[in-house]
Amino acid sequence: MANANAAAMDAAGGIGESKLMAWVRANLFSSWANTALTLVVFYVVAKAVFFFGSWGIFNAVWIGTSAECRAAKGVGACWALFPEKWRFILFATYPFDEQWRPALSSAIFIGLYFFSAMRANWNLRLPIAWIAGLGTISVLMWGGVLGLSFVPQERWGGLVLTLILSTFGLALAFPLAILLALGRRSHMPVIKSMCVVYIELIRGVPLISLLFMASVMFPLFLPEGVSIDKLLRAQIAIIMFAGAYLAEVVRGGLQALPKGQYEAADALGLSYWQATMMIVLPQALRLVIPPMVNTFIGLFKDTSLVLIIGLLDILNAAKVAVADPQWRGFGPEAYFGVSLIYFVFCFAMSKYSQRIEVELNRNKHR
């Protein structure tokens, strides 16, 4: 019996190995050109892995001073930068003794993201959780109550600023985008023209120009004695920019929807808004999940442009950190560390969107 089981396991292993070899021959070595390209790619990858292993791990300075890093410069990475500068990179100029507040605020944001990702929470609990979470974050960041010292918005920066700009930017740009997309497809000439002008005007200029206008020109249009904080101005510019791009994504989904869906809604006697909210929009948004998430990811990274108006997000905080004369010249290490943070958030958004797309398509085909 034991011999029979061993023979079966050997046979299964042989089948698995033969399938692997067949896949390798079919996909990597199917022709001379394919073989040459495979070998070149393997060589480049091996060289990159060897270089990073030598520079970033084996010869790197993990703990030490800037002098020790300079002695190893060109041979190994200087990861000793982060024990010295990690608090400034993550929290920028927020008061040193109060930096537990932006740290806790960032943790609350991440907790809200996880809570929102669970479809079981897509009910009344979700808005309640967000209202409570954002209220707590506001108290923590501003202070002035419950014995917390007041911290003006000019001192906010680092990771929490990136999360604030991207979260509010996406949350408020999304309904704006839906209204713009519906308006662009409207049969009312005035509404349609206004939406077309807005979308094309905003999409025709870079985000950095909108931030500059929000910082310099927007205050000129306000009544005398009225001023708006530059963080709020940057947030408005980001919302306007994201809304225009998302509007075109949503419009693509509306146009891709079969005409029969609109006719079915009319046949049921539904009003325009009933048909839009219950039939048209759910299907249209499901069709454009990939490009919509692509826009989300792009906006999350574009928040680094707020440096133009003097705000320090996590990327610009890292840039300022390595401007310190003691640590000047170690920018690659700082940017690599920050890029890992960006990668974690962007990769999580990408994988979550794939999962949601699969689930929605599975329900569609039932």
Protein backbone atom coordinates (compact mmCIF):
# COMPACT_ATOMS: atom_id res chain seq x y z
CA MET A 1 0.00 0.00 0.00
CA ALA A 2 2.86 2.34 0.94
CA ASN A 3 4.61 1.54 -2.35
CA ALA A 4 1.41 2.30 -4.25
CA ASN A 5 1.05 5.69 -2.53
CA ALA A 6 4.68 6.53 -3.20
CA ALA A 7 4.27 5.59 -6.85
CA ALA A 8 1.13 7.76 -7.11
CA MET A 9 2.96 10.71 -5.56
CA ASP A 10 5.90 10.25 -7.92
CA ALA A 11 3.50 10.11 -10.85
CA ALA A 12 1.72 13.28 -9.69
CA GLY A 13 5.06 15.02 -9.25
CA GLY A 14 6.12 13.87 -12.67
CA ILE A 15 2.92 15.20 -14.21
CA GLY A 16 3.37 18.55 -12.43
CA GLU A 17 7.00 18.76 -13.52
CA SER A 18 6.15 17.86 -17.08
CA LYS A 19 3.46 20.57 -17.17
CA LEU A 20 5.94 23.11 -15.85
CA MET A 21 8.55 22.15 -18.43
CA ALA A 22 5.93 22.26 -21.18
CA TRP A 23 4.89 25.75 -20.10
CA VAL A 24 8.52 26.90 -20.00
CA ARG A 25 9.22 25.55 -23.48
CA ALA A 26 5.99 27.00 -24.91
CA ASN A 27 6.31 30.46 -23.37
CA LEU A 28 10.01 31.10 -22.83
CA PHE A 29 11.95 28.99 -25.35
CA SER A 30 9.49 28.44 -28.19
CA SER A 31 11.82 29.97 -30.84
CA TRP A 32 15.32 31.36 -31.24
CA ALA A 33 14.07 34.92 -30.86
CA ASN A 34 12.01 34.03 -27.80
CA THR A 35 14.95 32.19 -26.26
CA ALA A 36 17.30 35.13 -26.84
CA LEU A 37 14.81 37.58 -25.34
CA THR A 38 14.28 35.30 -22.32
CA LEU A 39 18.03 35.06 -21.68
CA VAL A 40 18.45 38.83 -22.00
CA VAL A 41 15.61 39.46 -19.54
CA PHE A 42 17.01 36.91 -17.10
CA TYR A 43 20.43 38.55 -17.33
CA VAL A 44 19.06 42.04 -16.69
CA VAL A 45 16.93 40.86 -13.77
CA ALA A 46 19.86 38.95 -12.25
CA LYS A 47 22.12 41.99 -12.55
CA ALA A 48 19.49 44.22 -10.94
CA VAL A 49 18.94 41.77 -8.07
CA PHE A 50 22.69 41.38 -7.54
CA PHE A 51 23.24 45.16 -7.56
CA PHE A 52 20.40 45.86 -5.14
CA GLY A 53 21.46 43.02 -2.86
CA SER A 54 25.02 44.36 -2.77
CA TRP A 55 24.11 48.05 -2.50
CA GLY A 56 20.90 47.90 -0.51
CA ILE A 57 21.51 44.99 1.87
CA PHE A 58 25.00 43.58 2.30
CA ASN A 59 27.06 46.79 2.03
CA ALA A 60 24.40 49.13 3.40
CA VAL A 61 24.75 51.20 6.56
CA TRP A 62 21.68 50.32 8.63
CA ILE A 63 22.57 52.09 11.88
CA GLY A 64 25.17 54.82 12.17
CA THR A 65 26.04 58.43 11.59
CA SER A 66 26.12 60.51 8.43
CA ALA A 67 29.93 60.23 8.48
CA GLU A 68 29.71 56.43 8.30
CA CYS A 69 27.25 56.74 5.43
CA ARG A 70 29.60 59.02 3.52
CA ALA A 71 32.40 56.51 4.01
CA ALA A 72 30.20 53.86 2.36
CA LYS A 73 28.80 56.17 -0.34
CA GLY A 74 28.90 54.58 -3.77
CA VAL A 75 29.23 51.11 -2.22
CA GLY A 76 26.23 50.73 0.05
CA ALA A 77 22.95 52.46 0.81
CA CYS A 78 22.46 54.72 3.81
CA TRP A 79 19.40 53.38 5.59
CA ALA A 80 20.67 55.05 8.76
CA LEU A 81 18.93 58.15 7.38
CA PHE A 82 15.52 56.88 8.47
CA PRO A 83 16.18 56.45 12.22
CA GLU A 84 17.23 60.12 12.19
CA LYS A 85 14.65 61.61 9.83
CA TRP A 86 11.62 59.32 9.87
CA ARG A 87 9.59 61.59 12.15
CA PHE A 88 10.10 64.61 9.90
CA ILE A 89 9.30 62.57 6.78
CA LEU A 90 6.06 61.24 8.26
CA PHE A 91 4.93 64.34 10.19
CA ALA A 92 6.88 67.28 8.67
CA THR A 93 6.76 70.40 10.86
CA TYR A 94 3.99 69.23 13.21
CA PRO A 95 5.15 69.97 16.80
CA PHE A 96 7.55 67.25 17.86
CA ASP A 97 5.92 66.45 21.21
CA GLU A 98 2.47 66.27 19.57
CA GLN A 99 3.35 63.98 16.67
CA TRP A 100 1.38 61.13 18.18
CA ARG A 101 -1.70 63.02 17.00
CA PRO A 102 -1.01 62.85 13.23
CA ALA A 103 0.22 59.27 13.75
CA LEU A 104 -3.11 58.32 15.34
CA SER A 105 -4.98 60.26 12.63
CA SER A 106 -3.17 58.32 9.91
CA ALA A 107 -4.05 55.06 11.67
CA ILE A 108 -7.72 56.13 11.81
CA PHE A 109 -7.68 56.89 8.09
CA ILE A 110 -6.24 53.46 7.31
CA GLY A 111 -8.77 51.83 9.62
CA LEU A 112 -11.60 53.63 7.80
CA TYR A 113 -10.24 52.39 4.47
CA PHE A 114 -10.29 48.79 5.71
CA PHE A 115 -13.75 49.23 7.21
CA SER A 116 -15.06 50.67 3.93
CA ALA A 117 -13.52 47.84 1.92
CA MET A 118 -15.78 45.27 3.59
CA ARG A 119 -19.02 45.00 1.63
CA ALA A 120 -20.83 43.89 4.79
CA ASN A 121 -20.37 47.46 6.05
CA TRP A 122 -21.98 49.10 3.00
CA ASN A 123 -24.97 50.26 4.99
CA LEU A 124 -25.80 52.90 7.58
CA ARG A 125 -22.72 51.94 9.59
CA LEU A 126 -20.39 53.26 6.90
CA PRO A 127 -21.37 56.96 6.98
CA ILE A 128 -21.57 56.83 10.77
CA ALA A 129 -18.05 55.40 10.95
CA TRP A 130 -16.71 58.06 8.58
CA ILE A 131 -18.41 60.92 10.43
CA ALA A 132 -17.05 59.68 13.75
CA GLY A 133 -13.60 59.03 12.28
CA LEU A 134 -13.30 62.39 10.55
CA GLY A 135 -14.56 64.17 13.66
CA THR A 136 -11.89 62.44 15.75
CA ILE A 137 -9.21 63.30 13.17
CA SER A 138 -10.29 66.96 13.18
CA VAL A 139 -10.03 67.13 16.97
CA LEU A 140 -6.63 65.45 16.92
CA MET A 141 -5.13 67.54 14.15
CA TRP A 142 -6.44 70.96 15.16
CA GLY A 143 -6.64 70.50 18.90
CA GLY A 144 -7.76 73.42 21.01
CA VAL A 145 -10.17 71.15 22.94
CA LEU A 146 -9.92 68.32 25.47
CA GLY A 147 -6.60 69.66 26.70
CA LEU A 148 -4.93 69.44 23.27
CA SER A 149 -2.88 72.41 22.15
CA PHE A 150 -4.04 74.15 18.97
CA VAL A 151 -1.96 73.40 15.85
CA PRO A 152 -2.62 75.59 12.77
CA GLN A 153 -2.96 73.93 9.38
CA GLU A 154 0.32 75.48 8.25
CA ARG A 155 2.09 72.98 10.51
CA TRP A 156 0.36 69.94 9.04
CA GLY A 157 2.38 67.77 6.69
CA GLY A 158 3.80 64.38 5.88
CA LEU A 159 1.71 61.24 5.47
CA VAL A 160 -1.44 62.58 7.11
CA LEU A 161 -1.52 65.54 4.69
CA THR A 162 -1.29 63.16 1.73
CA LEU A 163 -4.16 61.09 3.16
CA ILE A 164 -6.29 64.18 3.83
CA LEU A 165 -5.84 65.62 0.33
CA SER A 166 -6.40 62.32 -1.47
CA THR A 167 -9.33 61.15 0.69
CA PHE A 168 -11.34 64.37 0.55
CA GLY A 169 -10.28 64.92 -3.06
CA LEU A 170 -11.70 61.58 -4.18
CA ALA A 171 -14.74 61.64 -1.91
CA LEU A 172 -15.90 65.05 -3.12
CA ALA A 173 -14.72 64.76 -6.73
CA PHE A 174 -16.73 61.58 -7.33
CA PRO A 175 -20.24 63.09 -6.96
CA LEU A 176 -19.05 66.15 -8.88
CA ALA A 177 -17.86 63.86 -11.69
CA ILE A 178 -21.23 62.07 -11.84
CA LEU A 179 -23.09 65.38 -12.14
CA LEU A 180 -20.69 66.61 -14.83
CA ALA A 181 -20.97 63.37 -16.80
CA LEU A 182 -24.77 63.46 -16.66
CA GLY A 183 -24.75 67.14 -17.55
CA ARG A 184 -22.52 66.54 -20.55
CA ARG A 185 -25.03 63.99 -21.85
CA SER A 186 -27.99 66.24 -21.07
CA HIS A 187 -30.38 67.35 -23.81
CA MET A 188 -30.49 70.86 -22.31
CA PRO A 189 -28.02 72.98 -24.33
CA VAL A 190 -27.10 75.36 -21.49
CA ILE A 191 -26.34 72.58 -18.98
CA LYS A 192 -24.45 70.56 -21.57
CA SER A 193 -22.38 73.55 -22.72
CA MET A 194 -21.44 74.51 -19.17
CA CYS A 195 -20.31 70.96 -18.36
CA VAL A 196 -18.35 70.64 -21.62
CA VAL A 197 -16.57 73.95 -21.02
CA TYR A 198 -15.71 73.03 -17.43
CA ILE A 199 -14.41 69.55 -18.29
CA GLU A 200 -12.36 70.60 -21.29
CA LEU A 201 -10.97 73.68 -19.54
CA ILE A 202 -9.85 71.79 -16.43
CA ARG A 203 -8.49 68.81 -18.40
CA GLY A 204 -6.61 71.19 -20.68
CA VAL A 205 -4.32 72.53 -17.95
CA PRO A 206 -1.95 70.70 -15.56
CA LEU A 207 -2.80 70.32 -11.90
CA ILE A 208 0.16 72.45 -10.90
CA SER A 209 -1.37 75.45 -12.69
CA LEU A 210 -4.66 74.96 -10.82
CA LEU A 211 -2.79 74.83 -7.52
CA PHE A 212 -0.90 77.98 -8.42
CA MET A 213 -4.13 79.78 -9.35
CA ALA A 214 -5.80 78.57 -6.14
CA SER A 215 -2.89 79.92 -4.13
CA VAL A 216 -2.33 83.24 -5.90
CA MET A 217 -5.41 84.22 -7.88
CA PHE A 218 -8.31 82.75 -5.91
CA PRO A 219 -7.86 85.12 -2.92
CA LEU A 220 -8.19 88.08 -5.33
CA PHE A 221 -11.84 87.15 -5.99
CA LEU A 222 -12.78 87.04 -2.30
CA PRO A 223 -14.34 89.98 -0.48
CA GLU A 224 -11.99 92.23 1.44
CA GLY A 225 -11.10 90.78 4.82
CA VAL A 226 -12.06 87.23 3.84
CA SER A 227 -9.30 84.66 3.50
CA ILE A 228 -9.20 80.90 2.95
CA ASP A 229 -6.48 78.67 4.29
CA LYS A 230 -4.05 77.44 1.63
CA LEU A 231 -4.76 73.81 2.52
CA LEU A 232 -8.42 74.35 1.72
CA ARG A 233 -7.46 76.13 -1.50
CA ALA A 234 -5.29 73.19 -2.51
CA GLN A 235 -8.12 70.80 -1.65
CA ILE A 236 -10.55 72.73 -3.86
CA ALA A 237 -8.10 72.67 -6.78
CA ILE A 238 -7.60 68.91 -6.41
CA ILE A 239 -11.36 68.30 -6.27
CA MET A 240 -11.93 70.37 -9.41
CA PHE A 241 -9.13 68.58 -11.25
CA ALA A 242 -10.15 65.06 -10.23
CA GLY A 243 -13.82 65.78 -10.92
CA ALA A 244 -13.12 66.71 -14.54
CA TYR A 245 -11.08 63.57 -15.23
CA LEU A 246 -13.49 61.26 -13.44
CA ALA A 247 -16.38 62.83 -15.34
CA GLU A 248 -14.96 61.58 -18.63
CA VAL A 249 -14.47 58.11 -17.16
CA VAL A 250 -18.09 58.02 -15.96
CA ARG A 251 -19.31 59.36 -19.32
CA GLY A 252 -17.52 56.49 -21.03
CA GLY A 253 -19.45 54.05 -18.87
CA LEU A 254 -22.73 55.78 -19.67
CA GLN A 255 -22.04 55.61 -23.39
CA ALA A 256 -21.01 51.95 -23.19
CA LEU A 257 -24.30 50.97 -21.60
CA PRO A 258 -26.62 49.28 -24.15
CA LYS A 259 -29.45 51.48 -25.38
CA GLY A 260 -31.90 48.77 -24.33
CA GLN A 261 -31.27 49.60 -20.66
CA TYR A 262 -32.52 53.15 -21.17
CA GLU A 263 -35.52 51.87 -23.13
CA ALA A 264 -36.33 49.33 -20.41
CA ALA A 265 -36.28 52.09 -17.80
CA ASP A 266 -38.66 54.16 -19.92
CA ALA A 267 -40.93 51.15 -20.38
CA LEU A 268 -41.14 50.74 -16.60
CA GLY A 269 -42.34 54.31 -16.31
CA LEU A 270 -39.39 55.43 -14.20
CA SER A 271 -38.51 59.10 -13.98
CA TYR A 272 -35.14 60.37 -15.20
CA TRP A 273 -33.57 60.35 -11.76
CA GLN A 274 -35.10 57.01 -10.80
CA ALA A 275 -33.77 55.38 -13.95
CA THR A 276 -30.37 57.02 -13.50
CA MET A 277 -29.89 56.05 -9.85
CA MET A 278 -31.38 52.54 -9.97
CA ILE A 279 -30.51 51.27 -13.46
CA VAL A 280 -28.09 53.41 -15.43
CA LEU A 281 -25.44 54.54 -12.96
CA PRO A 282 -24.86 51.19 -11.16
CA GLN A 283 -24.20 49.44 -14.47
CA ALA A 284 -22.16 52.28 -15.93
CA LEU A 285 -19.89 52.53 -12.88
CA ARG A 286 -19.33 48.78 -12.90
CA LEU A 287 -18.08 49.02 -16.48
CA VAL A 288 -15.47 51.68 -15.69
CA ILE A 289 -13.94 50.36 -12.46
CA PRO A 290 -10.42 49.90 -13.96
CA PRO A 291 -10.05 53.41 -15.47
CA MET A 292 -11.71 54.93 -12.42
CA VAL A 293 -9.22 53.30 -10.05
CA ASN A 294 -6.42 54.34 -12.38
CA THR A 295 -7.58 57.95 -11.89
CA PHE A 296 -7.72 57.42 -8.11
CA ILE A 297 -4.14 56.16 -8.08
CA GLY A 298 -2.95 59.03 -10.25
CA LEU A 299 -4.60 61.57 -7.96
CA PHE A 300 -3.09 59.96 -4.86
CA LYS A 301 0.38 60.48 -6.33
CA ASP A 302 -0.38 63.94 -7.71
CA THR A 303 -0.93 65.29 -4.20
CA SER A 304 2.86 65.75 -4.07
CA LEU A 305 2.40 68.83 -6.29
CA VAL A 306 1.09 70.82 -3.32
CA LEU A 307 4.70 71.85 -2.72
CA ILE A 308 4.01 74.67 -5.21
CA ILE A 309 1.92 76.43 -2.55
CA GLY A 310 4.18 75.61 0.37
CA LEU A 311 2.59 72.43 1.76
CA LEU A 312 4.81 69.50 2.70
CA ASP A 313 3.28 66.13 1.88
CA ILE A 314 5.27 62.99 2.55
CA LEU A 315 7.34 63.19 -0.66
CA ASN A 316 8.29 66.83 -0.19
CA ALA A 317 8.99 66.24 3.50
CA ALA A 318 11.52 63.61 2.42
CA LYS A 319 13.02 66.11 -0.03
CA VAL A 320 13.43 68.68 2.74
CA ALA A 321 14.84 66.05 5.10
CA VAL A 322 17.75 65.23 2.78
CA ALA A 323 18.44 68.95 2.30
CA ASP A 324 20.00 68.84 5.77
CA PRO A 325 23.76 69.41 5.19
CA GLN A 326 24.59 66.36 7.32
CA TRP A 327 22.45 64.06 5.15
CA ARG A 328 22.74 65.78 1.79
CA GLY A 329 23.42 63.36 -1.05
CA PHE A 330 21.27 60.51 0.27
CA GLY A 331 18.15 61.38 -1.70
CA PRO A 332 17.84 57.97 -3.44
CA GLU A 333 17.44 56.22 -0.11
CA ALA A 334 14.83 58.72 1.11
CA TYR A 335 12.86 58.58 -2.14
CA PHE A 336 13.03 54.78 -2.17
CA GLY A 337 11.53 54.63 1.32
CA VAL A 338 8.74 57.03 0.38
CA SER A 339 8.09 55.16 -2.86
CA LEU A 340 7.42 52.02 -0.82
CA ILE A 341 4.69 53.88 1.08
CA TYR A 342 3.14 55.08 -2.18
CA PHE A 343 3.39 51.55 -3.58
CA VAL A 344 1.59 50.00 -0.61
CA PHE A 345 -1.39 52.36 -0.92
CA CYS A 346 -1.57 52.23 -4.74
CA PHE A 347 -1.16 48.45 -4.87
CA ALA A 348 -3.88 48.02 -2.26
CA MET A 349 -6.25 50.17 -4.33
CA SER A 350 -5.43 48.21 -7.47
CA LYS A 351 -5.95 44.77 -5.89
CA TYR A 352 -9.15 45.85 -4.17
CA SER A 353 -10.59 47.18 -7.42
CA GLN A 354 -9.80 43.87 -9.12
CA ARG A 355 -11.58 41.98 -6.38
CA ILE A 356 -14.64 44.24 -6.55
CA GLU A 357 -14.73 43.92 -10.34
CA VAL A 358 -14.65 40.12 -10.13
CA GLU A 359 -17.40 40.05 -7.50
CA LEU A 360 -19.66 42.40 -9.44
CA ASN A 361 -19.17 40.50 -12.70
CA ARG A 362 -19.88 37.22 -10.89
CA ASN A 363 -23.18 38.63 -9.65
CA LYS A 364 -23.93 39.90 -13.14
CA HIS A 365 -23.63 36.47 -14.74
CA ARG A 366 -25.79 34.66 -12.17
